[in-house]
Amino acid sequence: MDKKWVKNIYTEYQNLVYRIAVSIIKDAQLAEDIMQDVFVTLHYNADYIRDKSKIKTWLIRATVNRSIDFTRKFHRVVALPSDFFEQQSSSALSDPAGEMDKKELVSEIREGISSLPADLKALVVLYYYLEMPQKDISEVLETPLNTVKTRLRRARLLIRSYLLNMEKTAPGKLSPQKGVSQFD
């Protein structure tokens, strides 16, 4: 095993691995633990990784899997980072009624995403937060492309359902004009 290679990989990808973990787990310390675990696993298995050119894919997959395993193991409801939607296109969330409505909508969408099962939440993070193409997600998760598309659609429908239920319990708080329809 080439220790220098592993060190270079760590230097190059530590921020990516950490961002993925913290996006799914929503706890900086636990995300660091997951990151450390991923790189320790890489260190011990570096000789067995067949295609060194696909190390980024391996790291993303390992990080997503460890994060999902953690959420399942501890049955935690994990929230998304507060800046999740700030990095998204502002045009998708623009609301002429004002900034307060936008903040309420962002908060409700964040809660909807947090209510998703860990595997769907990971897909949402990879696709919307990391802006990873569906084809790349398919390769990283070793899942057929159509399955990725179906799961993303299911996640959007679950979020939409969550938002519509919020509208029923708090009438007037959300409305299709404020963004619920964007999950169709």
Protein backbone atom coordinates (compact mmCIF):
# COMPACT_ATOMS: atom_id res chain seq x y z
CA MET A 1 0.00 0.00 0.00
CA ASP A 2 1.21 3.48 -0.87
CA LYS A 3 0.74 5.68 2.21
CA LYS A 4 1.56 8.79 0.20
CA TRP A 5 -1.29 7.99 -2.20
CA VAL A 6 -3.77 7.67 0.68
CA LYS A 7 -2.52 10.95 2.18
CA ASN A 8 -2.96 12.71 -1.18
CA ILE A 9 -6.47 11.31 -1.52
CA TYR A 10 -7.28 12.51 2.00
CA THR A 11 -5.99 16.00 1.24
CA GLU A 12 -7.93 16.18 -2.01
CA TYR A 13 -11.27 14.73 -0.86
CA GLN A 14 -11.60 15.36 2.88
CA ASN A 15 -13.84 18.41 2.37
CA LEU A 16 -16.15 16.53 -0.01
CA VAL A 17 -16.48 13.56 2.34
CA TYR A 18 -17.13 15.86 5.30
CA ARG A 19 -19.75 17.91 3.40
CA ILE A 20 -21.65 14.80 2.39
CA ALA A 21 -21.60 13.39 5.91
CA VAL A 22 -22.63 16.64 7.60
CA SER A 23 -25.37 17.15 5.01
CA ILE A 24 -26.91 13.80 5.88
CA ILE A 25 -26.12 13.61 9.62
CA LYS A 26 -26.37 17.32 10.55
CA ASP A 27 -23.83 16.97 13.32
CA ALA A 28 -20.30 18.25 12.77
CA GLN A 29 -18.63 15.92 15.28
CA LEU A 30 -20.39 12.82 13.98
CA ALA A 31 -19.62 13.86 10.41
CA GLU A 32 -15.94 14.05 11.35
CA ASP A 33 -16.19 10.57 12.85
CA ILE A 34 -17.76 9.25 9.66
CA MET A 35 -15.09 11.00 7.58
CA GLN A 36 -12.36 9.44 9.72
CA ASP A 37 -13.98 6.02 9.43
CA VAL A 38 -14.20 6.32 5.63
CA PHE A 39 -10.52 7.24 5.32
CA VAL A 40 -9.41 4.54 7.78
CA THR A 41 -11.33 2.03 5.68
CA LEU A 42 -9.63 3.41 2.57
CA HIS A 43 -6.24 3.10 4.26
CA TYR A 44 -6.78 -0.56 5.12
CA ASN A 45 -8.39 -1.45 1.79
CA ALA A 46 -6.29 0.64 -0.60
CA ASP A 47 -4.59 -2.46 -1.99
CA TYR A 48 -7.96 -3.96 -2.88
CA ILE A 49 -9.41 -1.00 -4.72
CA ARG A 50 -9.20 -2.12 -8.32
CA ASP A 51 -9.66 1.13 -10.18
CA LYS A 52 -7.81 3.96 -8.47
CA SER A 53 -9.26 6.40 -11.01
CA LYS A 54 -12.72 5.90 -9.48
CA ILE A 55 -11.66 6.73 -5.94
CA LYS A 56 -14.00 9.73 -5.75
CA THR A 57 -16.94 7.45 -6.53
CA TRP A 58 -15.78 4.98 -3.89
CA LEU A 59 -15.43 7.74 -1.27
CA ILE A 60 -18.87 9.20 -1.99
CA ARG A 61 -20.50 5.79 -1.82
CA ALA A 62 -18.69 4.87 1.40
CA THR A 63 -19.65 8.20 2.99
CA VAL A 64 -23.31 7.96 1.99
CA ASN A 65 -23.50 4.36 3.18
CA ARG A 66 -21.85 5.13 6.54
CA SER A 67 -24.14 8.13 7.04
CA ILE A 68 -27.26 6.13 6.20
CA ASP A 69 -26.13 3.27 8.45
CA PHE A 70 -25.62 5.73 11.28
CA THR A 71 -29.09 7.26 10.92
CA ARG A 72 -30.67 3.80 10.80
CA LYS A 73 -28.66 2.54 13.74
CA PHE A 74 -29.61 5.40 16.01
CA HIS A 75 -33.02 6.14 14.44
CA ARG A 76 -32.15 9.79 14.42
CA VAL A 77 -34.16 12.39 12.64
CA VAL A 78 -31.47 14.36 10.91
CA ALA A 79 -32.03 17.84 9.64
CA LEU A 80 -30.42 19.47 6.67
CA PRO A 81 -27.82 22.18 7.12
CA SER A 82 -29.26 25.65 7.49
CA ASP A 83 -27.56 26.79 4.28
CA PHE A 84 -29.01 23.94 2.21
CA PHE A 85 -31.42 26.14 0.28
CA GLU A 86 -29.20 29.21 0.24
CA GLN A 87 -27.00 27.37 -2.23
CA GLN A 88 -29.96 26.57 -4.47
CA SER A 89 -31.20 28.84 -7.20
CA SER A 90 -33.03 31.77 -5.70
CA SER A 91 -35.39 31.81 -8.69
CA ALA A 92 -36.83 28.44 -7.64
CA LEU A 93 -37.85 29.89 -4.30
CA SER A 94 -38.58 33.51 -5.23
CA ASP A 95 -41.76 34.89 -3.78
CA PRO A 96 -43.06 38.36 -4.48
CA ALA A 97 -44.91 38.39 -1.15
CA GLY A 98 -41.62 38.85 0.66
CA GLU A 99 -38.59 37.37 2.29
CA MET A 100 -40.51 36.11 5.35
CA ASP A 101 -42.70 33.83 3.25
CA LYS A 102 -39.57 32.50 1.56
CA LYS A 103 -37.96 31.74 4.92
CA GLU A 104 -41.10 29.96 6.12
CA LEU A 105 -41.23 27.90 2.93
CA VAL A 106 -37.55 27.01 3.18
CA SER A 107 -38.07 25.95 6.79
CA GLU A 108 -41.07 23.78 5.88
CA ILE A 109 -39.25 22.19 2.93
CA ARG A 110 -36.26 21.49 5.18
CA GLU A 111 -38.58 19.78 7.68
CA GLY A 112 -40.14 17.78 4.83
CA ILE A 113 -36.73 16.61 3.65
CA SER A 114 -35.72 15.76 7.21
CA SER A 115 -38.80 13.55 7.50
CA LEU A 116 -37.62 11.38 4.58
CA PRO A 117 -36.08 7.94 5.15
CA ALA A 118 -32.28 8.11 5.26
CA ASP A 119 -31.75 6.58 1.80
CA LEU A 120 -34.09 9.08 0.11
CA LYS A 121 -32.59 11.95 2.09
CA ALA A 122 -29.14 10.91 0.85
CA LEU A 123 -30.38 11.04 -2.75
CA VAL A 124 -31.85 14.51 -2.20
CA VAL A 125 -28.54 15.70 -0.73
CA LEU A 126 -26.51 14.25 -3.60
CA TYR A 127 -28.82 15.58 -6.31
CA TYR A 128 -29.92 18.97 -5.00
CA TYR A 129 -27.20 19.94 -2.52
CA LEU A 130 -24.10 18.54 -4.25
CA GLU A 131 -25.71 19.00 -7.68
CA MET A 132 -24.56 15.55 -8.74
CA PRO A 133 -26.06 14.32 -12.03
CA GLN A 134 -28.44 11.38 -11.75
CA LYS A 135 -26.11 9.24 -13.85
CA ASP A 136 -23.26 9.86 -11.39
CA ILE A 137 -25.52 9.08 -8.43
CA SER A 138 -26.44 5.84 -10.17
CA GLU A 139 -22.77 4.90 -10.50
CA VAL A 140 -21.85 5.95 -6.97
CA LEU A 141 -24.69 4.01 -5.37
CA GLU A 142 -24.41 1.15 -7.85
CA THR A 143 -28.12 1.51 -8.52
CA PRO A 144 -29.82 1.53 -11.92
CA LEU A 145 -30.42 5.03 -13.29
CA ASN A 146 -34.17 4.50 -13.48
CA THR A 147 -34.21 3.48 -9.82
CA VAL A 148 -32.44 6.73 -8.90
CA LYS A 149 -35.00 8.69 -10.93
CA THR A 150 -37.88 6.81 -9.31
CA ARG A 151 -36.52 7.36 -5.80
CA LEU A 152 -35.96 11.07 -6.45
CA ARG A 153 -39.54 11.34 -7.68
CA ARG A 154 -40.73 9.45 -4.60
CA ALA A 155 -38.75 11.85 -2.39
CA ARG A 156 -40.31 14.85 -4.14
CA LEU A 157 -43.79 13.36 -3.74
CA LEU A 158 -43.21 12.67 -0.05
CA ILE A 159 -41.98 16.23 0.47
CA ARG A 160 -44.97 17.57 -1.43
CA SER A 161 -47.30 15.42 0.67
CA TYR A 162 -45.62 16.70 3.82
CA LEU A 163 -46.08 20.30 2.66
CA LEU A 164 -49.72 19.71 1.75
CA ASN A 165 -50.34 18.18 5.18
CA MET A 166 -48.73 21.25 6.71
CA GLU A 167 -51.14 23.39 4.69
CA LYS A 168 -54.08 21.39 6.04
CA THR A 169 -52.96 21.73 9.66
CA ALA A 170 -52.01 25.41 9.31
CA PRO A 171 -54.22 26.86 6.53
CA GLY A 172 -52.73 29.77 4.66
CA LYS A 173 -49.21 29.07 5.83
CA LEU A 174 -48.24 27.42 2.55
CA SER A 175 -49.88 27.53 -0.82
CA PRO A 176 -49.04 26.29 -4.31
CA GLN A 177 -48.05 29.82 -5.29
CA LYS A 178 -45.41 29.75 -2.58
CA GLY A 179 -43.65 26.70 -3.92
CA VAL A 180 -45.47 23.48 -3.08
CA SER A 181 -46.17 22.85 -6.76
CA GLN A 182 -42.47 22.87 -7.60
CA PHE A 183 -42.27 19.29 -6.29
CA ASP A 184 -44.65 17.93 -8.95
